[in-house]
N, C-alpha and C. Protein backbone atom coordinates (compact mmCIF):
# COMPACT_ATOMS: atom_id res chain seq x y z
N UNK A 1 0.59 -1.22 0.09
CA UNK A 1 -0.03 0.08 0.16
C UNK A 1 1.02 1.18 0.02
N UNK A 2 2.09 1.39 0.89
CA UNK A 2 3.24 2.50 1.13
C UNK A 2 3.28 2.81 -0.46
N UNK A 3 4.12 1.54 -1.47
CA UNK A 3 4.35 1.88 -2.91
C UNK A 3 3.45 2.51 -3.46
N UNK A 4 1.92 2.03 -3.55
CA UNK A 4 0.78 2.71 -4.46
C UNK A 4 0.72 3.99 -4.00
N UNK A 5 0.96 4.42 -2.75
CA UNK A 5 0.46 5.60 -2.41
C UNK A 5 1.78 6.63 -2.96
N UNK A 6 2.80 6.36 -2.76
CA UNK A 6 4.25 6.74 -3.18
C UNK A 6 4.23 6.73 -4.77
N UNK A 7 3.50 6.05 -5.32
CA UNK A 7 3.66 5.88 -7.06
C UNK A 7 2.38 7.28 -7.40
N UNK A 8 1.32 7.35 -6.60
CA UNK A 8 0.72 8.26 -6.79
C UNK A 8 1.01 9.46 -6.45
N UNK A 9 1.72 9.83 -5.55
CA UNK A 9 2.14 10.89 -5.23
C UNK A 9 3.07 11.56 -6.10
N UNK A 10 4.09 10.50 -6.91
CA UNK A 10 5.10 11.00 -7.38
C UNK A 10 4.48 11.19 -9.12
N UNK A 11 3.56 10.83 -9.05
CA UNK A 11 2.59 10.84 -10.68
C UNK A 11 2.09 12.26 -10.62
N UNK A 12 1.40 12.57 -9.37
CA UNK A 12 0.84 14.03 -9.42
C UNK A 12 1.84 15.03 -9.37
N UNK A 13 2.72 14.94 -8.31
CA UNK A 13 3.74 15.88 -8.48
C UNK A 13 4.32 16.07 -9.80
N UNK A 14 4.74 14.98 -10.47
CA UNK A 14 5.31 15.00 -11.79
C UNK A 14 4.55 15.88 -12.94
N UNK A 15 3.10 15.17 -12.80
CA UNK A 15 2.40 16.13 -13.62
C UNK A 15 1.85 17.97 -13.08
N UNK A 16 2.15 17.89 -12.14
CA UNK A 16 2.29 19.64 -11.61
C UNK A 16 3.50 20.15 -12.35
N UNK A 17 4.70 19.49 -12.16
CA UNK A 17 5.94 20.30 -12.12
C UNK A 17 6.56 19.97 -13.86
N UNK A 18 5.90 18.97 -14.60
CA UNK A 18 6.66 18.81 -15.59
C UNK A 18 6.13 19.99 -16.90
N UNK A 19 7.05 20.14 -17.60
CA UNK A 19 6.56 21.18 -18.64
C UNK A 19 5.48 20.58 -19.70
N UNK A 20 4.20 20.37 -19.08
CA UNK A 20 3.33 19.97 -19.69
C UNK A 20 2.72 21.36 -20.80
N UNK A 21 1.82 20.55 -21.93
CA UNK A 21 1.42 21.07 -22.71
C UNK A 21 0.08 22.33 -22.16
N UNK A 22 -0.07 23.26 -22.76
CA UNK A 22 -1.45 24.17 -21.91
C UNK A 22 -2.10 24.19 -22.89
N UNK A 23 -3.43 24.49 -22.12
CA UNK A 23 -4.73 24.50 -23.09
C UNK A 23 -4.18 25.95 -23.90
N UNK A 24 -4.98 25.76 -25.29
CA UNK A 24 -4.60 26.47 -26.28
C UNK A 24 -3.41 26.56 -27.10
N UNK A 25 -2.13 25.81 -26.65
CA UNK A 25 -1.20 25.50 -27.33
C UNK A 25 -1.80 24.67 -28.83
N UNK A 26 -0.59 24.99 -29.80
CA UNK A 26 -1.05 24.32 -30.92
C UNK A 26 0.25 23.86 -31.69
N UNK A 27 0.31 22.82 -32.39
CA UNK A 27 1.29 22.50 -33.10
C UNK A 27 0.86 22.14 -34.45
N UNK A 28 1.95 22.19 -35.40
CA UNK A 28 1.42 22.01 -36.68
C UNK A 28 2.73 20.89 -37.54
N UNK A 29 2.41 19.63 -37.65
CA UNK A 29 3.42 18.84 -38.20
C UNK A 29 3.58 17.63 -39.25
N UNK A 30 4.74 17.07 -39.41
CA UNK A 30 4.58 15.96 -40.51
C UNK A 30 4.94 14.24 -39.80
N UNK A 31 4.18 13.40 -40.43
CA UNK A 31 4.49 12.15 -39.95
C UNK A 31 5.22 11.32 -40.85
N UNK A 32 6.10 10.51 -40.72
CA UNK A 32 6.40 9.32 -41.47
C UNK A 32 5.78 7.95 -41.05
N UNK A 33 5.28 7.32 -42.09
CA UNK A 33 4.46 6.23 -41.05
C UNK A 33 4.84 5.06 -41.93
N UNK A 34 4.91 4.18 -41.00
CA UNK A 34 5.17 2.58 -41.41
C UNK A 34 3.43 1.88 -41.08
N UNK A 35 3.12 1.21 -42.28
CA UNK A 35 1.61 0.53 -41.77
C UNK A 35 2.01 -1.08 -42.38
N UNK A 36 1.80 -2.00 -41.49
CA UNK A 36 1.77 -3.52 -41.77
C UNK A 36 1.36 -3.96 -43.30
N UNK A 37 -0.17 -3.08 -43.69
CA UNK A 37 -0.56 -3.91 -44.96
C UNK A 37 -0.71 -2.99 -46.15
N UNK A 38 -0.15 -1.55 -46.37
CA UNK A 38 0.06 -0.83 -47.11
C UNK A 38 1.60 -0.15 -47.16
N UNK A 39 2.47 -0.26 -46.36
CA UNK A 39 3.79 0.11 -46.17
C UNK A 39 4.23 1.38 -45.97
N UNK A 40 4.82 2.15 -46.44
CA UNK A 40 5.22 3.48 -46.21
C UNK A 40 4.27 4.93 -46.56
N UNK A 41 4.29 5.40 -45.39
CA UNK A 41 3.22 6.63 -46.06
C UNK A 41 3.94 8.06 -45.06
N UNK A 42 3.16 8.96 -46.18
CA UNK A 42 3.58 10.63 -45.39
C UNK A 42 2.19 11.30 -44.74
N UNK A 43 2.26 11.92 -43.87
CA UNK A 43 1.24 12.37 -43.27
C UNK A 43 1.65 13.95 -42.72
N UNK A 44 0.24 14.34 -42.75
CA UNK A 44 0.37 16.05 -41.93
C UNK A 44 -0.65 15.79 -40.60
N UNK A 45 -0.42 17.04 -39.86
CA UNK A 45 -1.27 17.15 -38.62
C UNK A 45 -1.40 18.34 -37.94
N UNK A 46 -2.53 18.46 -37.41
CA UNK A 46 -2.56 19.99 -36.79
C UNK A 46 -2.83 19.38 -35.55
N UNK A 47 -2.21 19.81 -33.96
CA UNK A 47 -2.67 19.70 -32.86
C UNK A 47 -3.48 20.80 -31.81
N UNK A 48 -4.32 20.77 -31.40
CA UNK A 48 -4.81 21.62 -30.35
C UNK A 48 -4.99 21.32 -29.36
N UNK A 49 -4.71 21.71 -28.08
CA UNK A 49 -5.03 21.75 -26.82
C UNK A 49 -6.24 22.40 -26.65
N UNK A 50 -7.11 21.27 -25.95
CA UNK A 50 -8.58 21.74 -25.73
C UNK A 50 -8.41 22.19 -24.26
N UNK A 51 -7.80 21.27 -23.36
CA UNK A 51 -7.27 21.45 -21.88
C UNK A 51 -5.85 21.48 -21.76
N UNK A 52 -5.55 21.23 -20.43
CA UNK A 52 -3.90 21.21 -20.15
C UNK A 52 -3.08 19.47 -20.53
N UNK A 53 -4.83 18.61 -20.69
CA UNK A 53 -4.12 17.30 -21.05
C UNK A 53 -5.01 16.77 -22.27
N UNK A 54 -5.87 16.89 -22.36
CA UNK A 54 -6.58 16.56 -23.70
C UNK A 54 -6.52 17.67 -24.98
N UNK A 55 -6.10 17.04 -26.12
CA UNK A 55 -5.82 17.02 -27.35
C UNK A 55 -6.52 16.72 -28.59
N UNK A 56 -6.71 17.48 -29.27
CA UNK A 56 -7.24 17.28 -30.65
C UNK A 56 -6.42 17.41 -31.98
N UNK A 57 -6.61 16.23 -32.35
CA UNK A 57 -5.50 16.34 -33.58
C UNK A 57 -6.47 15.65 -35.08
N UNK A 58 -6.52 16.85 -35.89
CA UNK A 58 -6.98 16.35 -37.46
C UNK A 58 -5.72 15.93 -37.96
N UNK A 59 -5.73 14.92 -38.57
CA UNK A 59 -4.65 14.30 -39.62
C UNK A 59 -5.00 13.75 -41.02
N UNK A 60 -4.21 13.93 -41.85
CA UNK A 60 -4.16 13.37 -43.27
C UNK A 60 -3.11 12.30 -43.27
N UNK A 61 -3.25 11.37 -44.09
CA UNK A 61 -1.84 10.34 -44.17
C UNK A 61 -2.18 9.71 -45.64
N UNK A 62 -0.99 9.80 -46.18
CA UNK A 62 -0.99 8.91 -47.78
C UNK A 62 -0.20 8.02 -47.91
N UNK A 63 -0.09 6.23 -47.93
CA UNK A 63 0.28 5.59 -48.23
C UNK A 63 0.97 5.26 -49.54
N UNK A 64 1.99 4.94 -49.90
CA UNK A 64 2.57 4.77 -51.38
C UNK A 64 2.06 3.50 -51.59
N UNK A 65 2.09 3.49 -52.93
CA UNK A 65 1.50 2.08 -53.93
C UNK A 65 2.14 0.86 -53.52
N UNK A 66 1.49 -0.04 -53.31
CA UNK A 66 2.53 -1.46 -52.62
C UNK A 66 1.39 -2.44 -53.01
N UNK A 67 1.98 -3.64 -53.73
CA UNK A 67 1.09 -4.43 -54.72
C UNK A 67 -0.04 -3.93 -55.11
N UNK A 68 0.00 -2.82 -55.95
CA UNK A 68 -1.08 -2.24 -56.51
C UNK A 68 -2.00 -1.35 -56.08
N UNK A 69 -1.99 -1.24 -54.81
CA UNK A 69 -2.73 -0.41 -53.93
C UNK A 69 -2.31 0.69 -53.22
N UNK A 70 -2.84 1.83 -53.42
CA UNK A 70 -2.69 3.06 -52.66
C UNK A 70 -3.72 3.50 -51.71
N UNK A 71 -3.10 4.02 -50.83
CA UNK A 71 -4.46 4.31 -49.73
C UNK A 71 -4.02 5.64 -48.61
N UNK A 72 -5.34 6.27 -48.39
CA UNK A 72 -4.98 7.59 -47.83
C UNK A 72 -5.96 7.57 -46.86
N UNK A 73 -5.96 8.28 -45.73
CA UNK A 73 -7.17 8.45 -44.64
C UNK A 73 -7.04 10.00 -44.10
N UNK A 74 -8.20 10.38 -43.52
CA UNK A 74 -8.48 11.73 -43.18
C UNK A 74 -9.18 11.42 -42.20
N UNK A 75 -8.50 12.05 -40.47
CA UNK A 75 -9.79 11.51 -39.44
C UNK A 75 -9.13 12.71 -38.35
N UNK A 76 -9.81 12.22 -37.21
CA UNK A 76 -9.33 13.27 -36.07
C UNK A 76 -9.08 12.04 -34.95
N UNK A 77 -8.23 12.61 -34.38
CA UNK A 77 -7.70 11.60 -33.27
C UNK A 77 -7.84 12.98 -31.83
N UNK A 78 -8.12 12.21 -30.60
CA UNK A 78 -8.09 12.64 -29.74
C UNK A 78 -7.27 11.75 -28.69
N UNK A 79 -6.09 12.72 -27.93
CA UNK A 79 -4.95 12.45 -27.07
C UNK A 79 -5.40 12.74 -25.12
N UNK A 80 -5.24 11.75 -24.52
CA UNK A 80 -5.07 12.62 -23.22
C UNK A 80 -3.55 12.38 -22.51
N UNK A 81 -2.93 13.49 -22.29
CA UNK A 81 -1.35 13.81 -22.17
C UNK A 81 -1.18 13.39 -20.64
N UNK A 82 -0.40 12.33 -20.37
CA UNK A 82 0.13 12.56 -19.11
C UNK A 82 1.64 12.97 -18.92
N UNK A 83 1.76 13.96 -18.45
CA UNK A 83 3.53 14.43 -18.44
C UNK A 83 4.01 13.13 -17.33
N UNK A 84 5.40 12.96 -17.86
CA UNK A 84 6.07 11.79 -17.38
C UNK A 84 7.46 12.25 -16.66
N UNK A 85 7.61 13.36 -17.55
CA UNK A 85 8.95 14.25 -17.15
C UNK A 85 8.92 15.40 -17.36
N UNK A 86 10.01 16.12 -17.17
CA UNK A 86 9.98 17.43 -17.56
C UNK A 86 9.74 17.98 -19.41
N UNK A 87 10.05 16.99 -20.20
CA UNK A 87 9.97 17.17 -21.60
C UNK A 87 9.50 16.21 -22.18
N UNK A 88 8.75 15.08 -21.66
CA UNK A 88 8.21 14.06 -22.45
C UNK A 88 6.69 13.92 -21.67
N UNK A 89 5.89 13.30 -22.46
CA UNK A 89 4.56 12.95 -22.24
C UNK A 89 4.17 12.15 -22.92
N UNK A 90 3.05 11.21 -22.33
CA UNK A 90 2.78 10.11 -22.71
C UNK A 90 1.57 10.21 -23.02
N UNK A 91 0.34 9.47 -24.07
CA UNK A 91 -0.91 9.51 -24.18
C UNK A 91 -1.70 8.30 -24.84
N UNK A 92 -2.78 8.07 -24.20
CA UNK A 92 -3.47 7.13 -25.40
C UNK A 92 -4.42 7.88 -26.42
N UNK A 93 -4.45 7.05 -27.43
CA UNK A 93 -4.99 8.05 -28.60
C UNK A 93 -6.35 7.05 -29.19
N UNK A 94 -7.02 7.90 -29.45
CA UNK A 94 -8.25 7.15 -30.28
C UNK A 94 -8.57 8.16 -31.37
N UNK A 95 -9.13 7.42 -32.50
CA UNK A 95 -9.62 8.39 -33.52
C UNK A 95 -10.45 7.56 -34.27
N UNK A 96 -11.16 8.63 -35.18
CA UNK A 96 -12.28 8.26 -36.21
C UNK A 96 -12.17 8.99 -37.51
N UNK A 97 -12.59 8.14 -38.63
CA UNK A 97 -12.43 9.07 -39.82
C UNK A 97 -13.07 8.27 -40.88
N UNK A 98 -11.88 8.57 -42.16
CA UNK A 98 -12.39 7.54 -43.16
C UNK A 98 -11.22 7.46 -44.01
N UNK A 99 -11.26 6.01 -44.38
CA UNK A 99 -10.00 5.33 -44.84
C UNK A 99 -10.44 5.29 -46.33
N UNK A 100 -9.18 5.26 -47.68
CA UNK A 100 -9.81 5.14 -49.00
C UNK A 100 -8.52 4.36 -49.48
N UNK A 101 -8.83 3.43 -50.54
CA UNK A 101 -7.77 2.45 -50.80
C UNK A 101 -8.16 2.45 -52.25
N UNK A 102 -7.28 2.47 -53.17
CA UNK A 102 -7.56 2.38 -54.50
C UNK A 102 -6.35 1.84 -55.01
N UNK A 103 -6.85 0.55 -56.06
CA UNK A 103 -6.20 -0.77 -56.79
C UNK A 103 -5.86 0.14 -58.16
N UNK A 104 -4.77 -0.30 -58.42
CA UNK A 104 -4.03 0.29 -59.75
C UNK A 104 -3.53 -0.95 -60.47
N UNK A 105 -4.61 -1.47 -61.80
CA UNK A 105 -4.10 -2.53 -62.68
C UNK A 105 -4.11 -1.90 -63.95
N UNK A 106 -2.84 -1.97 -64.83
CA UNK A 106 -2.82 -1.43 -66.16
C UNK A 106 -3.80 -0.38 -66.32
N UNK A 107 -4.85 -0.42 -67.05
CA UNK A 107 -5.96 0.45 -67.40
C UNK A 107 -7.00 0.40 -66.48
N UNK A 108 -6.96 -0.49 -65.52
CA UNK A 108 -8.08 -0.70 -64.64
C UNK A 108 -7.82 0.01 -63.26
N UNK A 109 -8.81 0.95 -62.52
CA UNK A 109 -8.55 1.28 -61.13
C UNK A 109 -9.70 1.27 -60.68
N UNK A 110 -9.95 1.07 -59.28
CA UNK A 110 -11.03 0.80 -58.34
C UNK A 110 -10.54 1.54 -56.87
N UNK A 111 -11.58 2.30 -56.66
CA UNK A 111 -11.21 2.57 -55.07
C UNK A 111 -12.36 2.43 -54.39
N UNK A 112 -12.07 2.57 -52.86
CA UNK A 112 -13.36 2.00 -52.00
C UNK A 112 -13.08 3.04 -50.75
N UNK A 113 -14.15 3.53 -50.01
CA UNK A 113 -14.19 4.48 -48.92
C UNK A 113 -14.39 3.51 -47.71
N UNK A 114 -14.07 3.87 -46.85
CA UNK A 114 -14.70 3.01 -45.58
C UNK A 114 -14.57 4.05 -44.45
N UNK A 115 -15.33 3.87 -43.54
CA UNK A 115 -15.34 4.37 -42.25
C UNK A 115 -13.99 3.63 -41.56
N UNK A 116 -13.09 4.49 -40.77
CA UNK A 116 -12.01 3.96 -39.73
C UNK A 116 -11.80 4.05 -38.31
N UNK A 117 -11.36 3.62 -37.32
CA UNK A 117 -11.60 3.97 -36.17
C UNK A 117 -10.07 3.33 -35.77
N UNK A 118 -9.23 4.21 -34.83
CA UNK A 118 -7.96 4.45 -34.53
C UNK A 118 -7.99 4.04 -33.23
N UNK A 119 -6.79 3.21 -32.77
CA UNK A 119 -6.56 3.45 -31.05
C UNK A 119 -4.93 3.02 -30.78
N UNK A 120 -4.25 3.86 -30.06
CA UNK A 120 -3.14 3.51 -29.55
C UNK A 120 -2.50 4.06 -28.64
N UNK A 121 -0.94 4.38 -28.69
CA UNK A 121 -0.51 5.09 -27.56
C UNK A 121 0.51 5.83 -28.06
N UNK A 122 1.12 6.76 -27.51
CA UNK A 122 2.19 7.76 -28.20
C UNK A 122 2.59 8.40 -27.22
N UNK A 123 4.20 8.89 -27.35
CA UNK A 123 4.88 9.70 -26.20
C UNK A 123 5.05 11.27 -27.32
N UNK A 124 5.53 12.24 -26.68
CA UNK A 124 5.85 13.43 -27.22
C UNK A 124 7.29 13.77 -26.38
N UNK A 125 7.85 14.05 -27.20
CA UNK A 125 9.46 14.31 -26.42
C UNK A 125 9.84 15.92 -26.86
N UNK A 126 9.99 16.76 -25.85
CA UNK A 126 9.97 18.21 -26.40
C UNK A 126 11.42 18.50 -26.75
N UNK A 127 11.87 19.16 -27.84
CA UNK A 127 12.96 19.28 -28.27
C UNK A 127 13.10 21.01 -28.07
N UNK A 128 13.48 21.53 -27.16
CA UNK A 128 13.68 22.74 -27.28
C UNK A 128 12.38 23.53 -27.01
N UNK A 129 12.13 24.74 -27.43
CA UNK A 129 11.23 25.84 -27.27
C UNK A 129 9.92 25.40 -28.02
N UNK A 130 10.37 25.22 -29.56
CA UNK A 130 9.14 25.35 -30.55
C UNK A 130 9.40 23.84 -31.30
N UNK A 131 9.86 22.72 -30.50
CA UNK A 131 9.96 21.75 -31.51
C UNK A 131 9.43 20.94 -30.60
N UNK A 132 8.84 19.33 -31.53
CA UNK A 132 8.68 18.41 -30.40
C UNK A 132 8.62 16.89 -31.58
N UNK A 133 9.32 15.82 -31.19
CA UNK A 133 9.22 14.64 -31.82
C UNK A 133 8.13 13.87 -31.16
N UNK A 134 7.32 12.87 -31.93
CA UNK A 134 6.35 12.05 -31.19
C UNK A 134 6.52 10.69 -31.95
N UNK A 135 6.16 9.50 -31.01
CA UNK A 135 6.32 8.42 -31.62
C UNK A 135 4.68 7.55 -31.26
N UNK A 136 3.99 7.13 -31.92
CA UNK A 136 3.04 6.63 -31.82
C UNK A 136 2.32 5.38 -32.81
N UNK A 137 2.88 4.10 -32.04
CA UNK A 137 1.83 2.95 -32.30
C UNK A 137 0.58 2.99 -32.16
N UNK A 138 -0.27 2.77 -33.26
CA UNK A 138 -1.98 2.39 -33.23
C UNK A 138 -1.86 1.43 -34.20
N UNK A 139 -3.53 1.28 -33.77
CA UNK A 139 -4.20 -0.07 -34.32
C UNK A 139 -5.41 0.80 -35.28
N UNK A 140 -5.24 0.49 -36.74
CA UNK A 140 -6.27 1.18 -37.47
C UNK A 140 -7.59 0.09 -37.83
N UNK A 141 -8.56 0.15 -37.22
CA UNK A 141 -9.38 -0.66 -37.62
C UNK A 141 -10.41 0.00 -39.29
N UNK A 142 -10.37 -1.00 -39.99
CA UNK A 142 -11.18 -0.51 -41.38
C UNK A 142 -11.51 -1.87 -41.84
N UNK A 143 -12.96 -1.90 -41.95
CA UNK A 143 -13.69 -3.01 -42.62
C UNK A 143 -12.98 -3.62 -43.63
N UNK A 144 -12.19 -4.91 -43.32
CA UNK A 144 -11.63 -5.56 -44.34
C UNK A 144 -10.46 -5.26 -44.73
N UNK A 145 -9.62 -4.46 -44.01
CA UNK A 145 -8.34 -3.98 -43.99
C UNK A 145 -7.89 -3.24 -42.94
N UNK A 146 -7.84 -3.98 -41.88
CA UNK A 146 -7.00 -3.53 -40.57
C UNK A 146 -5.56 -3.37 -40.73
N UNK A 147 -5.01 -2.78 -40.15
CA UNK A 147 -3.71 -2.86 -40.01
C UNK A 147 -3.03 -2.10 -38.78
N UNK A 148 -1.50 -2.47 -38.71
CA UNK A 148 -0.82 -1.90 -37.43
C UNK A 148 -0.02 -0.72 -38.05
N UNK A 149 0.36 0.25 -37.68
CA UNK A 149 0.63 1.72 -37.75
C UNK A 149 1.69 2.02 -36.90
N UNK A 150 2.58 2.50 -37.30
CA UNK A 150 4.13 3.24 -36.41
C UNK A 150 3.97 4.77 -37.15
N UNK A 151 3.57 5.71 -36.07
CA UNK A 151 3.91 7.04 -36.64
C UNK A 151 5.18 7.32 -36.45
N UNK A 152 6.04 8.51 -36.65
CA UNK A 152 7.05 9.23 -36.05
C UNK A 152 6.95 10.34 -36.42
N UNK A 153 6.59 11.32 -35.60
CA UNK A 153 6.58 12.65 -36.13
C UNK A 153 7.27 13.96 -35.72
N UNK A 154 7.33 15.18 -36.78
CA UNK A 154 8.22 15.86 -35.75
C UNK A 154 6.97 17.45 -36.01
N UNK A 155 6.91 18.01 -35.14
CA UNK A 155 5.81 19.10 -35.20
C UNK A 155 6.51 20.14 -34.37
N UNK A 156 5.95 21.62 -35.39
CA UNK A 156 6.49 22.84 -34.95
C UNK A 156 5.47 23.42 -33.72
N UNK A 157 5.72 23.72 -32.60
CA UNK A 157 5.10 24.43 -31.78
C UNK A 157 4.82 25.66 -31.86
N UNK A 158 3.42 26.43 -31.66
CA UNK A 158 3.34 27.71 -31.69
C UNK A 158 2.21 28.22 -30.54
C-alpha cells in the first residue's frame, strides 16, 4: 500500500511540475508512417490542446502504392496527455475518420472508401522551445483492411 501511495504522489507531483502542454497550445507537423498492410506513407497533422491534458488532432496520411494499392486516410484523433518528465508526455490515442484504398491495374483502377477507427498510445518529446518529436504505434480498424501503424512525427509548436 505504501508503494502505491508513493507512486500516486510521484505521478501527481510529476504532472504538476512537468513542462506540460497548456490549454490553447498548437502544433503543426509531419509524420513518417509505416503500416503493416500498405507499406510507407507521409502525413500531416494539426494539434490543438482543448485543456492542459486533452488534445485534438486532425490528420491526413497518404500511403504509397504497394502491391498495386495506394491508401489514404483522413480523420481526427483525441489524446489524453500524461506528463511523465520535464520534456516527455505519454498519451492514449483514439480516432475516427475515413479511409480510402485505390487498386491500380494497367488501364483499370477501382477505389473504395470506408469508416475507420484507430486506437493506440504515443509519446511526445519536447525538443527545445518550438519543436517536439512524437512516436505513436496504433491499430487502424477498417472493415476488411485492418492494419498496425507506427507514426514518427516532428511538429512545430506555436
